[in-house]
Amino acid sequence: MIESWVPPAIMHSAAAISIDTLAVVACVALTAATLIFVFMIQPDPADSAPHRSHLDQLMERRDIIYDNLRDLKFEYRTGKFAEEDYEQMKQTLEAEAALVLAEIERVTESPGMLPRSDAAVRGRAIPAGPRAGN
């Protein structure tokens, strides 16, 4: 058996090179990961959007239901719906509005006046109950 003898200085040098190489590779990988994260990954728009309160969501839902009732009544008057279909859709929307209004009253703990978002822009308040004529 022939053993080759390697001087300790060369063995130490080889170990140092491999550790240095690993450190350089790790630094390059970390730099690449950082650059990819900073420049390639797009933030989620929902993260920067203002968070709406539960009451804001309920009031928006109430306004949508009122608008749907108004549109339904207009479309019924123009003849797009039969009376049976109109009454069924109207009752469904009114029942949903009642649930939303009850939840608004529960959240605010008072059945007072809450302005609609479009009415607030015009400077007048609309009661939280259903509109007249709908």
Protein backbone atom coordinates (compact mmCIF):
# COMPACT_ATOMS: atom_id res chain seq x y z
CA MET A 1 0.00 0.00 0.00
CA ILE A 2 1.44 3.29 -1.02
CA GLU A 3 0.45 6.24 0.99
CA SER A 4 0.86 9.64 -0.36
CA TRP A 5 1.83 12.13 2.15
CA VAL A 6 0.35 15.65 1.74
CA PRO A 7 2.00 18.41 3.68
CA PRO A 8 -0.29 19.96 6.35
CA ALA A 9 0.03 23.43 4.80
CA ILE A 10 -1.54 22.19 1.56
CA MET A 11 -4.36 20.36 3.39
CA HIS A 12 -5.10 23.50 5.39
CA SER A 13 -5.09 25.57 2.21
CA ALA A 14 -7.56 23.20 0.50
CA ALA A 15 -9.93 23.32 3.48
CA ALA A 16 -9.71 27.10 3.55
CA ILE A 17 -10.51 27.33 -0.14
CA SER A 18 -13.60 25.19 0.20
CA ILE A 19 -14.87 27.22 3.18
CA ASP A 20 -14.18 30.48 1.33
CA THR A 21 -15.90 29.11 -1.75
CA LEU A 22 -18.93 28.13 0.28
CA ALA A 23 -19.07 31.58 1.87
CA VAL A 24 -18.91 33.28 -1.54
CA VAL A 25 -21.61 31.00 -2.94
CA ALA A 26 -23.81 31.70 0.09
CA CYS A 27 -23.32 35.47 -0.31
CA VAL A 28 -24.15 35.31 -4.01
CA ALA A 29 -27.28 33.23 -3.31
CA LEU A 30 -28.40 35.63 -0.57
CA THR A 31 -27.83 38.62 -2.85
CA ALA A 32 -29.77 36.98 -5.68
CA ALA A 33 -32.67 36.10 -3.36
CA THR A 34 -32.77 39.67 -2.04
CA LEU A 35 -32.79 41.18 -5.54
CA ILE A 36 -35.52 38.80 -6.67
CA PHE A 37 -37.61 39.67 -3.61
CA VAL A 38 -37.17 43.42 -4.04
CA PHE A 39 -37.62 43.71 -7.78
CA MET A 40 -39.59 40.69 -8.95
CA ILE A 41 -42.25 40.02 -6.31
CA GLN A 42 -45.24 42.33 -6.64
CA PRO A 43 -47.02 43.40 -3.44
CA ASP A 44 -50.65 42.46 -2.99
CA PRO A 45 -52.83 45.56 -3.53
CA ALA A 46 -55.05 44.50 -0.64
CA ASP A 47 -52.12 44.97 1.73
CA SER A 48 -51.97 48.70 1.05
CA ALA A 49 -55.72 49.28 0.71
CA PRO A 50 -57.43 50.94 3.66
CA HIS A 51 -59.35 48.48 5.74
CA ARG A 52 -63.07 49.11 5.99
CA SER A 53 -64.93 48.60 9.20
CA HIS A 54 -67.83 46.21 9.50
CA LEU A 55 -70.22 49.17 9.66
CA ASP A 56 -68.78 50.60 6.42
CA GLN A 57 -69.32 47.25 4.72
CA LEU A 58 -72.91 47.07 5.98
CA MET A 59 -73.69 50.59 4.85
CA GLU A 60 -72.23 49.86 1.43
CA ARG A 61 -74.32 46.69 1.20
CA ARG A 62 -77.44 48.66 2.24
CA ASP A 63 -76.77 51.24 -0.48
CA ILE A 64 -76.34 48.50 -3.08
CA ILE A 65 -79.64 46.90 -2.08
CA TYR A 66 -81.43 50.26 -2.29
CA ASP A 67 -79.94 50.85 -5.74
CA ASN A 68 -81.01 47.35 -6.82
CA LEU A 69 -84.55 48.00 -5.60
CA ARG A 70 -84.64 51.28 -7.51
CA ASP A 71 -83.32 49.60 -10.68
CA LEU A 72 -85.76 46.72 -10.27
CA LYS A 73 -88.68 49.13 -10.00
CA PHE A 74 -87.49 51.02 -13.09
CA GLU A 75 -87.09 47.81 -15.11
CA TYR A 76 -90.53 46.61 -13.99
CA ARG A 77 -92.08 49.89 -15.14
CA THR A 78 -90.38 49.55 -18.53
CA GLY A 79 -91.87 46.07 -18.94
CA LYS A 80 -88.76 43.93 -18.54
CA PHE A 81 -90.28 41.83 -15.73
CA ALA A 82 -93.61 40.15 -15.21
CA GLU A 83 -95.46 41.22 -12.07
CA GLU A 84 -94.85 37.84 -10.36
CA ASP A 85 -91.10 38.02 -11.02
CA TYR A 86 -90.99 41.64 -9.90
CA GLU A 87 -92.78 40.88 -6.62
CA GLN A 88 -90.56 37.88 -5.90
CA MET A 89 -87.33 39.81 -6.54
CA LYS A 90 -88.63 42.81 -4.61
CA GLN A 91 -89.49 40.66 -1.59
CA THR A 92 -86.05 39.02 -1.71
CA LEU A 93 -84.29 42.38 -1.81
CA GLU A 94 -86.51 43.82 0.94
CA ALA A 95 -85.82 40.82 3.16
CA GLU A 96 -82.09 41.21 2.57
CA ALA A 97 -82.36 44.94 3.30
CA ALA A 98 -84.17 44.20 6.56
CA LEU A 99 -81.36 41.86 7.64
CA VAL A 100 -78.71 44.42 6.79
CA LEU A 101 -80.60 47.22 8.56
CA ALA A 102 -81.03 45.05 11.65
CA GLU A 103 -77.29 44.34 11.64
CA ILE A 104 -76.54 48.07 11.26
CA GLU A 105 -78.78 48.81 14.25
CA ARG A 106 -77.05 46.07 16.23
CA VAL A 107 -73.59 47.42 15.38
CA THR A 108 -74.44 51.07 16.04
CA GLU A 109 -76.73 50.25 18.97
CA SER A 110 -79.14 52.93 17.78
CA PRO A 111 -81.71 53.03 14.98
CA GLY A 112 -80.74 56.61 14.04
CA MET A 113 -80.07 58.26 10.74
CA LEU A 114 -77.13 56.92 8.75
CA PRO A 115 -76.39 58.78 5.53
CA ARG A 116 -76.03 57.01 2.22
CA SER A 117 -72.65 57.48 0.66
CA ASP A 118 -74.02 59.32 -2.40
CA ALA A 119 -76.33 61.43 -0.22
CA ALA A 120 -73.45 62.41 2.02
CA VAL A 121 -71.71 63.90 -0.99
CA ARG A 122 -74.81 66.00 -1.74
CA GLY A 123 -75.05 67.03 1.91
CA ARG A 124 -78.30 65.36 2.96
CA ALA A 125 -79.02 62.32 5.12
CA ILE A 126 -81.38 59.49 4.24
CA PRO A 127 -82.99 57.43 7.02
CA ALA A 128 -81.72 53.91 7.51
CA GLY A 129 -85.18 52.46 6.73
CA PRO A 130 -86.49 51.57 3.26
CA ARG A 131 -87.16 54.41 0.88
CA ALA A 132 -90.71 55.50 0.22
CA GLY A 133 -92.19 54.02 -2.92
CA ASN A 134 -90.04 50.91 -3.04
